[in-house]
Amino acid sequence: MVTEGVEAVFLETHNWGKAARFFQSLGYELEFDTGHNSGQLRNGDGPYVFIAEVPEDREPGTRVVLKVPDEDAFRPGPDVELVTPFEDTHFGTRMATVRDPDGRLWSLQAPAKG
């Protein structure tokens, strides 16, 4: 089994409020605000956007998150470099990181076990 396509885009920002309003101006609706300068927005049935505020001295990053329906059945091809294995997240899923041939990092998100 491989991935089922793009599940989300994870964005870091220096201003959560401005970033959220930017996406809302593009038709995204706020699904939830964590109360900690981050939250999730969605536009229709497409991938969601999760935005998290980072300190000014840190360069904001972007990560595309690919959906893995079953971590145990996941079998990437030989051209996929596994950077970090699946690990529990604080938001109730399991995430792994892979690197593409150009050095970009991609997140793989699977449901929590059990």
PDB file of N, CA and C in Angstrom:
ATOM      1  N   MET A   1       0.846  -1.181   0.000  1.00  0.00           N
ATOM      2  CA  MET A   1       0.000   0.000   0.000  1.00  0.00           C
ATOM      3  C   MET A   1       0.889   1.241   0.000  1.00  0.00           C
ATOM      4  N   VAL A   2       0.446   2.249  -0.720  1.00  0.00           N
ATOM      5  CA  VAL A   2       1.144   3.530  -0.767  1.00  0.00           C
ATOM      6  C   VAL A   2       0.218   4.622  -0.222  1.00  0.00           C
ATOM      7  N   THR A   3       0.484   5.877  -0.540  1.00  0.00           N
ATOM      8  CA  THR A   3      -0.340   6.976  -0.014  1.00  0.00           C
ATOM      9  C   THR A   3      -1.625   7.130  -0.818  1.00  0.00           C
ATOM     10  N   GLU A   4      -2.543   7.905  -0.247  1.00  0.00           N
ATOM     11  CA  GLU A   4      -3.810   8.217  -0.918  1.00  0.00           C
ATOM     12  C   GLU A   4      -3.875   9.687  -1.309  1.00  0.00           C
ATOM     13  N   GLY A   5      -2.739  10.302  -1.572  1.00  0.00           N
ATOM     14  CA  GLY A   5      -2.711  11.683  -2.028  1.00  0.00           C
ATOM     15  C   GLY A   5      -2.543  12.690  -0.902  1.00  0.00           C
ATOM     16  N   VAL A   6      -2.730  13.946  -1.256  1.00  0.00           N
ATOM     17  CA  VAL A   6      -2.509  15.040  -0.312  1.00  0.00           C
ATOM     18  C   VAL A   6      -3.665  15.116   0.682  1.00  0.00           C
ATOM     19  N   GLU A   7      -3.308  15.083   1.955  1.00  0.00           N
ATOM     20  CA  GLU A   7      -4.304  15.215   3.013  1.00  0.00           C
ATOM     21  C   GLU A   7      -4.349  16.641   3.550  1.00  0.00           C
ATOM     22  N   ALA A   8      -3.171  17.299   3.592  1.00  0.00           N
ATOM     23  CA  ALA A   8      -3.114  18.619   4.207  1.00  0.00           C
ATOM     24  C   ALA A   8      -1.881  19.372   3.741  1.00  0.00           C
ATOM     25  N   VAL A   9      -1.913  20.672   4.007  1.00  0.00           N
ATOM     26  CA  VAL A   9      -0.737  21.521   3.867  1.00  0.00           C
ATOM     27  C   VAL A   9      -0.503  22.125   5.242  1.00  0.00           C
ATOM     28  N   PHE A  10       0.701  21.937   5.774  1.00  0.00           N
ATOM     29  CA  PHE A  10       1.062  22.484   7.070  1.00  0.00           C
ATOM     30  C   PHE A  10       1.922  23.712   6.830  1.00  0.00           C
ATOM     31  N   LEU A  11       1.483  24.846   7.352  1.00  0.00           N
ATOM     32  CA  LEU A  11       2.195  26.109   7.168  1.00  0.00           C
ATOM     33  C   LEU A  11       2.599  26.694   8.505  1.00  0.00           C
ATOM     34  N   GLU A  12       3.805  27.229   8.555  1.00  0.00           N
ATOM     35  CA  GLU A  12       4.223  28.015   9.699  1.00  0.00           C
ATOM     36  C   GLU A  12       4.160  29.482   9.300  1.00  0.00           C
ATOM     37  N   THR A  13       3.851  30.330  10.259  1.00  0.00           N
ATOM     38  CA  THR A  13       3.676  31.751  10.000  1.00  0.00           C
ATOM     39  C   THR A  13       4.210  32.553  11.184  1.00  0.00           C
ATOM     40  N   HIS A  14       4.452  33.835  10.941  1.00  0.00           N
ATOM     41  CA  HIS A  14       4.816  34.725  12.039  1.00  0.00           C
ATOM     42  C   HIS A  14       3.588  35.400  12.631  1.00  0.00           C
ATOM     43  N   ASN A  15       2.417  35.264  11.975  1.00  0.00           N
ATOM     44  CA  ASN A  15       1.215  35.899  12.502  1.00  0.00           C
ATOM     45  C   ASN A  15       0.007  35.022  12.176  1.00  0.00           C
ATOM     46  N   TRP A  16      -0.430  34.239  13.140  1.00  0.00           N
ATOM     47  CA  TRP A  16      -1.544  33.319  12.965  1.00  0.00           C
ATOM     48  C   TRP A  16      -2.800  34.037  12.486  1.00  0.00           C
ATOM     49  N   GLY A  17      -3.142  35.144  13.110  1.00  0.00           N
ATOM     50  CA  GLY A  17      -4.365  35.859  12.752  1.00  0.00           C
ATOM     51  C   GLY A  17      -4.368  36.327  11.305  1.00  0.00           C
ATOM     52  N   LYS A  18      -3.278  36.929  10.866  1.00  0.00           N
ATOM     53  CA  LYS A  18      -3.188  37.401   9.478  1.00  0.00           C
ATOM     54  C   LYS A  18      -3.236  36.234   8.498  1.00  0.00           C
ATOM     55  N   ALA A  19      -2.538  35.154   8.825  1.00  0.00           N
ATOM     56  CA  ALA A  19      -2.522  33.994   7.922  1.00  0.00           C
ATOM     57  C   ALA A  19      -3.916  33.375   7.825  1.00  0.00           C
ATOM     58  N   ALA A  20      -4.604  33.250   8.953  1.00  0.00           N
ATOM     59  CA  ALA A  20      -5.956  32.684   8.942  1.00  0.00           C
ATOM     60  C   ALA A  20      -6.901  33.565   8.128  1.00  0.00           C
ATOM     61  N   ARG A  21      -6.817  34.870   8.308  1.00  0.00           N
ATOM     62  CA  ARG A  21      -7.683  35.784   7.544  1.00  0.00           C
ATOM     63  C   ARG A  21      -7.367  35.728   6.049  1.00  0.00           C
ATOM     64  N   PHE A  22      -6.101  35.554   5.694  1.00  0.00           N
ATOM     65  CA  PHE A  22      -5.716  35.415   4.290  1.00  0.00           C
ATOM     66  C   PHE A  22      -6.454  34.234   3.659  1.00  0.00           C
ATOM     67  N   PHE A  23      -6.405  33.081   4.319  1.00  0.00           N
ATOM     68  CA  PHE A  23      -7.071  31.896   3.774  1.00  0.00           C
ATOM     69  C   PHE A  23      -8.588  32.025   3.809  1.00  0.00           C
ATOM     70  N   GLN A  24      -9.129  32.678   4.824  1.00  0.00           N
ATOM     71  CA  GLN A  24     -10.561  32.907   4.872  1.00  0.00           C
ATOM     72  C   GLN A  24     -10.986  33.807   3.711  1.00  0.00           C
ATOM     73  N   SER A  25     -10.151  34.745   3.335  1.00  0.00           N
ATOM     74  CA  SER A  25     -10.444  35.614   2.191  1.00  0.00           C
ATOM     75  C   SER A  25     -10.426  34.845   0.875  1.00  0.00           C
ATOM     76  N   LEU A  26      -9.800  33.674   0.889  1.00  0.00           N
ATOM     77  CA  LEU A  26      -9.753  32.813  -0.299  1.00  0.00           C
ATOM     78  C   LEU A  26     -10.833  31.731  -0.263  1.00  0.00           C
ATOM     79  N   GLY A  27     -11.731  31.810   0.717  1.00  0.00           N
ATOM     80  CA  GLY A  27     -12.847  30.872   0.774  1.00  0.00           C
ATOM     81  C   GLY A  27     -12.702  29.737   1.768  1.00  0.00           C
ATOM     82  N   TYR A  28     -11.619  29.711   2.533  1.00  0.00           N
ATOM     83  CA  TYR A  28     -11.447  28.671   3.545  1.00  0.00           C
ATOM     84  C   TYR A  28     -12.241  29.044   4.791  1.00  0.00           C
ATOM     85  N   GLU A  29     -12.762  28.017   5.468  1.00  0.00           N
ATOM     86  CA  GLU A  29     -13.491  28.233   6.713  1.00  0.00           C
ATOM     87  C   GLU A  29     -12.695  27.651   7.866  1.00  0.00           C
ATOM     88  N   LEU A  30     -12.692  28.371   8.975  1.00  0.00           N
ATOM     89  CA  LEU A  30     -11.992  27.916  10.164  1.00  0.00           C
ATOM     90  C   LEU A  30     -12.728  26.722  10.759  1.00  0.00           C
ATOM     91  N   GLU A  31     -12.050  25.560  10.815  1.00  0.00           N
ATOM     92  CA  GLU A  31     -12.642  24.369  11.443  1.00  0.00           C
ATOM     93  C   GLU A  31     -12.414  24.403  12.944  1.00  0.00           C
ATOM     94  N   PHE A  32     -11.202  24.774  13.332  1.00  0.00           N
ATOM     95  CA  PHE A  32     -10.944  24.965  14.751  1.00  0.00           C
ATOM     96  C   PHE A  32      -9.701  25.805  14.969  1.00  0.00           C
ATOM     97  N   ASP A  33      -9.717  26.517  16.071  1.00  0.00           N
ATOM     98  CA  ASP A  33      -8.606  27.331  16.555  1.00  0.00           C
ATOM     99  C   ASP A  33      -8.117  26.638  17.814  1.00  0.00           C
ATOM    100  N   THR A  34      -6.829  26.312  17.888  1.00  0.00           N
ATOM    101  CA  THR A  34      -6.308  25.576  19.038  1.00  0.00           C
ATOM    102  C   THR A  34      -6.256  26.428  20.301  1.00  0.00           C
ATOM    103  N   GLY A  35      -6.310  27.755  20.131  1.00  0.00           N
ATOM    104  CA  GLY A  35      -6.124  28.643  21.268  1.00  0.00           C
ATOM    105  C   GLY A  35      -4.659  28.897  21.570  1.00  0.00           C
ATOM    106  N   HIS A  36      -3.774  28.343  20.739  1.00  0.00           N
ATOM    107  CA  HIS A  36      -2.326  28.489  20.922  1.00  0.00           C
ATOM    108  C   HIS A  36      -1.683  29.001  19.633  1.00  0.00           C
ATOM    109  N   ASN A  37      -2.326  29.989  19.000  1.00  0.00           N
ATOM    110  CA  ASN A  37      -1.811  30.583  17.757  1.00  0.00           C
ATOM    111  C   ASN A  37      -1.635  29.570  16.639  1.00  0.00           C
ATOM    112  N   SER A  38      -2.616  28.690  16.511  1.00  0.00           N
ATOM    113  CA  SER A  38      -2.630  27.739  15.409  1.00  0.00           C
ATOM    114  C   SER A  38      -4.059  27.264  15.204  1.00  0.00           C
ATOM    115  N   GLY A  39      -4.299  26.681  14.037  1.00  0.00           N
ATOM    116  CA  GLY A  39      -5.626  26.170  13.765  1.00  0.00           C
ATOM    117  C   GLY A  39      -5.721  25.569  12.377  1.00  0.00           C
ATOM    118  N   GLN A  40      -6.899  25.021  12.100  1.00  0.00           N
ATOM    119  CA  GLN A  40      -7.143  24.307  10.856  1.00  0.00           C
ATOM    120  C   GLN A  40      -8.264  24.953  10.074  1.00  0.00           C
ATOM    121  N   LEU A  41      -8.034  25.097   8.766  1.00  0.00           N
ATOM    122  CA  LEU A  41      -9.023  25.665   7.855  1.00  0.00           C
ATOM    123  C   LEU A  41      -9.258  24.692   6.714  1.00  0.00           C
ATOM    124  N   ARG A  42     -10.468  24.751   6.145  1.00  0.00           N
ATOM    125  CA  ARG A  42     -10.802  23.847   5.043  1.00  0.00           C
ATOM    126  C   ARG A  42     -11.657  24.587   4.027  1.00  0.00           C
ATOM    127  N   ASN A  43     -11.487  24.184   2.774  1.00  0.00           N
ATOM    128  CA  ASN A  43     -12.280  24.725   1.676  1.00  0.00           C
ATOM    129  C   ASN A  43     -12.874  23.534   0.928  1.00  0.00           C
ATOM    130  N   GLY A  44     -14.143  23.255   1.177  1.00  0.00           N
ATOM    131  CA  GLY A  44     -14.804  22.126   0.509  1.00  0.00           C
ATOM    132  C   GLY A  44     -14.250  20.794   0.962  1.00  0.00           C
ATOM    133  N   ASP A  45     -14.157  19.860   0.004  1.00  0.00           N
ATOM    134  CA  ASP A  45     -13.693  18.508   0.310  1.00  0.00           C
ATOM    135  C   ASP A  45     -12.194  18.330   0.109  1.00  0.00           C
ATOM    136  N   GLY A  46     -11.490  19.408  -0.238  1.00  0.00           N
ATOM    137  CA  GLY A  46     -10.058  19.309  -0.503  1.00  0.00           C
ATOM    138  C   GLY A  46      -9.230  19.168   0.760  1.00  0.00           C
ATOM    139  N   PRO A  47      -7.936  19.098   0.600  1.00  0.00           N
ATOM    140  CA  PRO A  47      -7.040  19.002   1.753  1.00  0.00           C
ATOM    141  C   PRO A  47      -7.220  20.204   2.686  1.00  0.00           C
ATOM    142  N   TYR A  48      -7.038  19.966   3.963  1.00  0.00           N
ATOM    143  CA  TYR A  48      -7.123  21.073   4.904  1.00  0.00           C
ATOM    144  C   TYR A  48      -5.787  21.791   4.984  1.00  0.00           C
ATOM    145  N   VAL A  49      -5.813  23.009   5.524  1.00  0.00           N
ATOM    146  CA  VAL A  49      -4.613  23.795   5.774  1.00  0.00           C
ATOM    147  C   VAL A  49      -4.502  23.951   7.283  1.00  0.00           C
ATOM    148  N   PHE A  50      -3.369  23.543   7.834  1.00  0.00           N
ATOM    149  CA  PHE A  50      -3.115  23.754   9.259  1.00  0.00           C
ATOM    150  C   PHE A  50      -2.012  24.792   9.367  1.00  0.00           C
ATOM    151  N   ILE A  51      -2.266  25.833  10.149  1.00  0.00           N
ATOM    152  CA  ILE A  51      -1.329  26.949  10.285  1.00  0.00           C
ATOM    153  C   ILE A  51      -0.881  27.037  11.740  1.00  0.00           C
ATOM    154  N   ALA A  52       0.421  27.180  11.948  1.00  0.00           N
ATOM    155  CA  ALA A  52       0.982  27.323  13.292  1.00  0.00           C
ATOM    156  C   ALA A  52       1.939  28.505  13.319  1.00  0.00           C
ATOM    157  N   GLU A  53       1.793  29.338  14.322  1.00  0.00           N
ATOM    158  CA  GLU A  53       2.668  30.499  14.471  1.00  0.00           C
ATOM    159  C   GLU A  53       4.002  30.069  15.078  1.00  0.00           C
ATOM    160  N   VAL A  54       5.092  30.607  14.514  1.00  0.00           N
ATOM    161  CA  VAL A  54       6.443  30.355  15.024  1.00  0.00           C
ATOM    162  C   VAL A  54       7.082  31.690  15.380  1.00  0.00           C
ATOM    163  N   PRO A  55       8.120  31.686  16.230  1.00  0.00           N
ATOM    164  CA  PRO A  55       8.788  32.940  16.613  1.00  0.00           C
ATOM    165  C   PRO A  55       9.395  33.667  15.405  1.00  0.00           C
ATOM    166  N   GLU A  56       9.545  34.975  15.542  1.00  0.00           N
ATOM    167  CA  GLU A  56      10.091  35.818  14.464  1.00  0.00           C
ATOM    168  C   GLU A  56      11.494  35.400  14.039  1.00  0.00           C
ATOM    169  N   ASP A  57      12.265  34.819  14.951  1.00  0.00           N
ATOM    170  CA  ASP A  57      13.647  34.451  14.607  1.00  0.00           C
ATOM    171  C   ASP A  57      13.733  33.106  13.876  1.00  0.00           C
ATOM    172  N   ARG A  58      12.601  32.507  13.610  1.00  0.00           N
ATOM    173  CA  ARG A  58      12.559  31.222  12.898  1.00  0.00           C
ATOM    174  C   ARG A  58      11.919  31.409  11.533  1.00  0.00           C
ATOM    175  N   GLU A  59      12.531  30.865  10.518  1.00  0.00           N
ATOM    176  CA  GLU A  59      12.001  30.938   9.154  1.00  0.00           C
ATOM    177  C   GLU A  59      10.746  30.074   9.057  1.00  0.00           C
ATOM    178  N   PRO A  60       9.613  30.640   8.607  1.00  0.00           N
ATOM    179  CA  PRO A  60       8.394  29.836   8.473  1.00  0.00           C
ATOM    180  C   PRO A  60       8.578  28.744   7.412  1.00  0.00           C
ATOM    181  N   GLY A  61       8.134  27.563   7.737  1.00  0.00           N
ATOM    182  CA  GLY A  61       8.250  26.431   6.823  1.00  0.00           C
ATOM    183  C   GLY A  61       6.901  26.030   6.246  1.00  0.00           C
ATOM    184  N   THR A  62       6.963  25.157   5.267  1.00  0.00           N
ATOM    185  CA  THR A  62       5.775  24.594   4.631  1.00  0.00           C
ATOM    186  C   THR A  62       6.016  23.109   4.452  1.00  0.00           C
ATOM    187  N   ARG A  63       5.005  22.304   4.713  1.00  0.00           N
ATOM    188  CA  ARG A  63       5.133  20.867   4.531  1.00  0.00           C
ATOM    189  C   ARG A  63       3.841  20.338   3.937  1.00  0.00           C
ATOM    190  N   VAL A  64       3.949  19.561   2.876  1.00  0.00           N
ATOM    191  CA  VAL A  64       2.794  18.869   2.306  1.00  0.00           C
ATOM    192  C   VAL A  64       2.656  17.550   3.069  1.00  0.00           C
ATOM    193  N   VAL A  65       1.413  17.222   3.452  1.00  0.00           N
ATOM    194  CA  VAL A  65       1.135  16.018   4.233  1.00  0.00           C
ATOM    195  C   VAL A  65       0.365  15.044   3.345  1.00  0.00           C
ATOM    196  N   LEU A  66       0.923  13.857   3.158  1.00  0.00           N
ATOM    197  CA  LEU A  66       0.287  12.813   2.359  1.00  0.00           C
ATOM    198  C   LEU A  66      -0.410  11.822   3.275  1.00  0.00           C
ATOM    199  N   LYS A  67      -1.574  11.343   2.843  1.00  0.00           N
ATOM    200  CA  LYS A  67      -2.388  10.444   3.663  1.00  0.00           C
ATOM    201  C   LYS A  67      -1.939   8.992   3.498  1.00  0.00           C
ATOM    202  N   VAL A  68      -1.708   8.340   4.629  1.00  0.00           N
ATOM    203  CA  VAL A  68      -1.403   6.911   4.676  1.00  0.00           C
ATOM    204  C   VAL A  68      -2.526   6.255   5.480  1.00  0.00           C
ATOM    205  N   PRO A  69      -3.413   5.493   4.829  1.00  0.00           N
ATOM    206  CA  PRO A  69      -4.549   4.928   5.551  1.00  0.00           C
ATOM    207  C   PRO A  69      -4.187   3.833   6.548  1.00  0.00           C
ATOM    208  N   ASP A  70      -3.092   3.107   6.298  1.00  0.00           N
ATOM    209  CA  ASP A  70      -2.712   2.005   7.176  1.00  0.00           C
ATOM    210  C   ASP A  70      -1.186   1.959   7.261  1.00  0.00           C
ATOM    211  N   GLU A  71      -0.669   2.458   8.353  1.00  0.00           N
ATOM    212  CA  GLU A  71       0.783   2.519   8.547  1.00  0.00           C
ATOM    213  C   GLU A  71       1.443   1.148   8.410  1.00  0.00           C
ATOM    214  N   ASP A  72       0.813   0.111   8.944  1.00  0.00           N
ATOM    215  CA  ASP A  72       1.405  -1.224   8.911  1.00  0.00           C
ATOM    216  C   ASP A  72       1.462  -1.804   7.496  1.00  0.00           C
ATOM    217  N   ALA A  73       0.560  -1.401   6.630  1.00  0.00           N
ATOM    218  CA  ALA A  73       0.538  -1.904   5.254  1.00  0.00           C
ATOM    219  C   ALA A  73       1.322  -1.001   4.300  1.00  0.00           C
ATOM    220  N   PHE A  74       1.822   0.133   4.782  1.00  0.00           N
ATOM    221  CA  PHE A  74       2.529   1.099   3.939  1.00  0.00           C
ATOM    222  C   PHE A  74       3.865   0.530   3.475  1.00  0.00           C
ATOM    223  N   ARG A  75       4.058   0.523   2.168  1.00  0.00           N
ATOM    224  CA  ARG A  75       5.291   0.017   1.564  1.00  0.00           C
ATOM    225  C   ARG A  75       5.759   1.000   0.493  1.00  0.00           C
ATOM    226  N   PRO A  76       6.602   1.967   0.881  1.00  0.00           N
ATOM    227  CA  PRO A  76       7.077   2.929  -0.125  1.00  0.00           C
ATOM    228  C   PRO A  76       8.043   2.263  -1.104  1.00  0.00           C
ATOM    229  N   GLY A  77       8.142   2.855  -2.278  1.00  0.00           N
ATOM    230  CA  GLY A  77       9.060   2.343  -3.282  1.00  0.00           C
ATOM    231  C   GLY A  77      10.509   2.616  -2.903  1.00  0.00           C
ATOM    232  N   PRO A  78      11.448   2.073  -3.669  1.00  0.00           N
ATOM    233  CA  PRO A  78      12.877   2.189  -3.345  1.00  0.00           C
ATOM    234  C   PRO A  78      13.425   3.615  -3.468  1.00  0.00           C
ATOM    235  N   ASP A  79      12.702   4.511  -4.126  1.00  0.00           N
ATOM    236  CA  ASP A  79      13.180   5.880  -4.302  1.00  0.00           C
ATOM    237  C   ASP A  79      12.772   6.801  -3.160  1.00  0.00           C
ATOM    238  N   VAL A  80      12.134   6.258  -2.134  1.00  0.00           N
ATOM    239  CA  VAL A  80      11.669   7.048  -1.000  1.00  0.00           C
ATOM    240  C   VAL A  80      12.646   6.876   0.156  1.00  0.00           C
ATOM    241  N   GLU A  81      13.242   7.994   0.586  1.00  0.00           N
ATOM    242  CA  GLU A  81      14.149   7.970   1.740  1.00  0.00           C
ATOM    243  C   GLU A  81      13.347   8.266   3.009  1.00  0.00           C
ATOM    244  N   LEU A  82      13.304   7.319   3.910  1.00  0.00           N
ATOM    245  CA  LEU A  82      12.632   7.522   5.182  1.00  0.00           C
ATOM    246  C   LEU A  82      13.572   8.299   6.096  1.00  0.00           C
ATOM    247  N   VAL A  83      13.131   9.484   6.548  1.00  0.00           N
ATOM    248  CA  VAL A  83      13.940  10.333   7.429  1.00  0.00           C
ATOM    249  C   VAL A  83      13.600  10.054   8.886  1.00  0.00           C
ATOM    250  N   THR A  84      12.312  10.001   9.197  1.00  0.00           N
ATOM    251  CA  THR A  84      11.873   9.643  10.545  1.00  0.00           C
ATOM    252  C   THR A  84      10.726   8.645  10.419  1.00  0.00           C
ATOM    253  N   PRO A  85      10.708   7.605  11.248  1.00  0.00           N
ATOM    254  CA  PRO A  85       9.624   6.620  11.192  1.00  0.00           C
ATOM    255  C   PRO A  85       8.341   7.207  11.770  1.00  0.00           C
ATOM    256  N   PHE A  86       7.256   6.469  11.615  1.00  0.00           N
ATOM    257  CA  PHE A  86       5.985   6.905  12.182  1.00  0.00           C
ATOM    258  C   PHE A  86       6.107   7.016  13.697  1.00  0.00           C
ATOM    259  N   GLU A  87       5.625   8.157  14.206  1.00  0.00           N
ATOM    260  CA  GLU A  87       5.628   8.427  15.641  1.00  0.00           C
ATOM    261  C   GLU A  87       4.307   9.068  16.008  1.00  0.00           C
ATOM    262  N   ASP A  88       3.890   8.865  17.258  1.00  0.00           N
ATOM    263  CA  ASP A  88       2.672   9.507  17.746  1.00  0.00           C
ATOM    264  C   ASP A  88       2.846  11.024  17.742  1.00  0.00           C
ATOM    265  N   THR A  89       1.754  11.736  17.425  1.00  0.00           N
ATOM    266  CA  THR A  89       1.752  13.195  17.492  1.00  0.00           C
ATOM    267  C   THR A  89       0.912  13.634  18.692  1.00  0.00           C
ATOM    268  N   HIS A  90       1.035  14.895  19.042  1.00  0.00           N
ATOM    269  CA  HIS A  90       0.220  15.432  20.139  1.00  0.00           C
ATOM    270  C   HIS A  90      -1.211  15.703  19.683  1.00  0.00           C
ATOM    271  N   PHE A  91      -1.493  15.551  18.392  1.00  0.00           N
ATOM    272  CA  PHE A  91      -2.838  15.814  17.883  1.00  0.00           C
ATOM    273  C   PHE A  91      -3.557  14.554  17.427  1.00  0.00           C
ATOM    274  N   GLY A  92      -3.107  13.379  17.901  1.00  0.00           N
ATOM    275  CA  GLY A  92      -3.877  12.159  17.724  1.00  0.00           C
ATOM    276  C   GLY A  92      -3.681  11.394  16.426  1.00  0.00           C
ATOM    277  N   THR A  93      -2.559  11.591  15.754  1.00  0.00           N
ATOM    278  CA  THR A  93      -2.248  10.809  14.561  1.00  0.00           C
ATOM    279  C   THR A  93      -0.838  10.260  14.719  1.00  0.00           C
ATOM    280  N   ARG A  94      -0.348   9.624  13.673  1.00  0.00           N
ATOM    281  CA  ARG A  94       1.052   9.194  13.625  1.00  0.00           C
ATOM    282  C   ARG A  94       1.670   9.788  12.371  1.00  0.00           C
ATOM    283  N   MET A  95       2.870  10.332  12.510  1.00  0.00           N
ATOM    284  CA  MET A  95       3.526  11.007  11.392  1.00  0.00           C
ATOM    285  C   MET A  95       4.913  10.421  11.153  1.00  0.00           C
ATOM    286  N   ALA A  96       5.276  10.376   9.877  1.00  0.00           N
ATOM    287  CA  ALA A  96       6.624  10.017   9.447  1.00  0.00           C
ATOM    288  C   ALA A  96       7.083  11.103   8.488  1.00  0.00           C
ATOM    289  N   THR A  97       8.385  11.154   8.254  1.00  0.00           N
ATOM    290  CA  THR A  97       8.941  12.125   7.315  1.00  0.00           C
ATOM    291  C   THR A  97       9.760  11.385   6.274  1.00  0.00           C
ATOM    292  N   VAL A  98       9.576  11.775   5.006  1.00  0.00           N
ATOM    293  CA  VAL A  98      10.375  11.240   3.913  1.00  0.00           C
ATOM    294  C   VAL A  98      11.006  12.397   3.152  1.00  0.00           C
ATOM    295  N   ARG A  99      12.060  12.092   2.417  1.00  0.00           N
ATOM    296  CA  ARG A  99      12.766  13.106   1.630  1.00  0.00           C
ATOM    297  C   ARG A  99      12.703  12.720   0.163  1.00  0.00           C
ATOM    298  N   ASP A 100      12.416  13.726  -0.689  1.00  0.00           N
ATOM    299  CA  ASP A 100      12.398  13.462  -2.132  1.00  0.00           C
ATOM    300  C   ASP A 100      13.801  13.634  -2.704  1.00  0.00           C
ATOM    301  N   PRO A 101      14.012  13.304  -3.984  1.00  0.00           N
ATOM    302  CA  PRO A 101      15.352  13.361  -4.572  1.00  0.00           C
ATOM    303  C   PRO A 101      15.976  14.762  -4.568  1.00  0.00           C
ATOM    304  N   ASP A 102      15.157  15.815  -4.437  1.00  0.00           N
ATOM    305  CA  ASP A 102      15.689  17.182  -4.400  1.00  0.00           C
ATOM    306  C   ASP A 102      15.912  17.688  -2.983  1.00  0.00           C
ATOM    307  N   GLY A 103      15.697  16.832  -1.995  1.00  0.00           N
ATOM    308  CA  GLY A 103      15.956  17.202  -0.616  1.00  0.00           C
ATOM    309  C   GLY A 103      14.773  17.767   0.154  1.00  0.00           C
ATOM    310  N   ARG A 104      13.610  17.900  -0.510  1.00  0.00           N
ATOM    311  CA  ARG A 104      12.428  18.407   0.195  1.00  0.00           C
ATOM    312  C   ARG A 104      11.888  17.352   1.138  1.00  0.00           C
ATOM    313  N   LEU A 105      11.398  17.814   2.292  1.00  0.00           N
ATOM    314  CA  LEU A 105      10.785  16.913   3.252  1.00  0.00           C
ATOM    315  C   LEU A 105       9.278  16.889   3.052  1.00  0.00           C
ATOM    316  N   TRP A 106       8.698  15.705   3.185  1.00  0.00           N
ATOM    317  CA  TRP A 106       7.255  15.481   3.066  1.00  0.00           C
ATOM    318  C   TRP A 106       6.807  14.746   4.317  1.00  0.00           C
ATOM    319  N   SER A 107       5.622  15.049   4.792  1.00  0.00           N
ATOM    320  CA  SER A 107       5.054  14.350   5.946  1.00  0.00           C
ATOM    321  C   SER A 107       4.087  13.272   5.475  1.00  0.00           C
ATOM    322  N   LEU A 108       4.086  12.151   6.170  1.00  0.00           N
ATOM    323  CA  LEU A 108       3.128  11.077   5.942  1.00  0.00           C
ATOM    324  C   LEU A 108       2.301  10.984   7.209  1.00  0.00           C
ATOM    325  N   GLN A 109       0.968  11.041   7.067  1.00  0.00           N
ATOM    326  CA  GLN A 109       0.099  11.002   8.236  1.00  0.00           C
ATOM    327  C   GLN A 109      -0.796   9.781   8.190  1.00  0.00           C
ATOM    328  N   ALA A 110      -0.764   9.014   9.282  1.00  0.00           N
ATOM    329  CA  ALA A 110      -1.581   7.813   9.427  1.00  0.00           C
ATOM    330  C   ALA A 110      -2.444   7.961  10.675  1.00  0.00           C
ATOM    331  N   PRO A 111      -3.537   7.213  10.722  1.00  0.00           N
ATOM    332  CA  PRO A 111      -4.372   7.246  11.932  1.00  0.00           C
ATOM    333  C   PRO A 111      -3.585   6.723  13.140  1.00  0.00           C
ATOM    334  N   ALA A 112      -4.004   7.157  14.305  1.00  0.00           N
ATOM    335  CA  ALA A 112      -3.409   6.643  15.539  1.00  0.00           C
ATOM    336  C   ALA A 112      -3.675   5.153  15.640  1.00  0.00           C
ATOM    337  N   LYS A 113      -2.769   4.433  16.252  1.00  0.00           N
ATOM    338  CA  LYS A 113      -2.962   2.985  16.435  1.00  0.00           C
ATOM    339  C   LYS A 113      -3.943   2.736  17.561  1.00  0.00           C
ATOM    340  N   GLY A 114      -4.719   1.669  17.379  1.00  0.00           N
ATOM    341  CA  GLY A 114      -5.654   1.271  18.431  1.00  0.00           C
ATOM    342  C   GLY A 114      -6.852   2.093  18.371  1.00  0.00           C
TER     343      GLY A 114
END
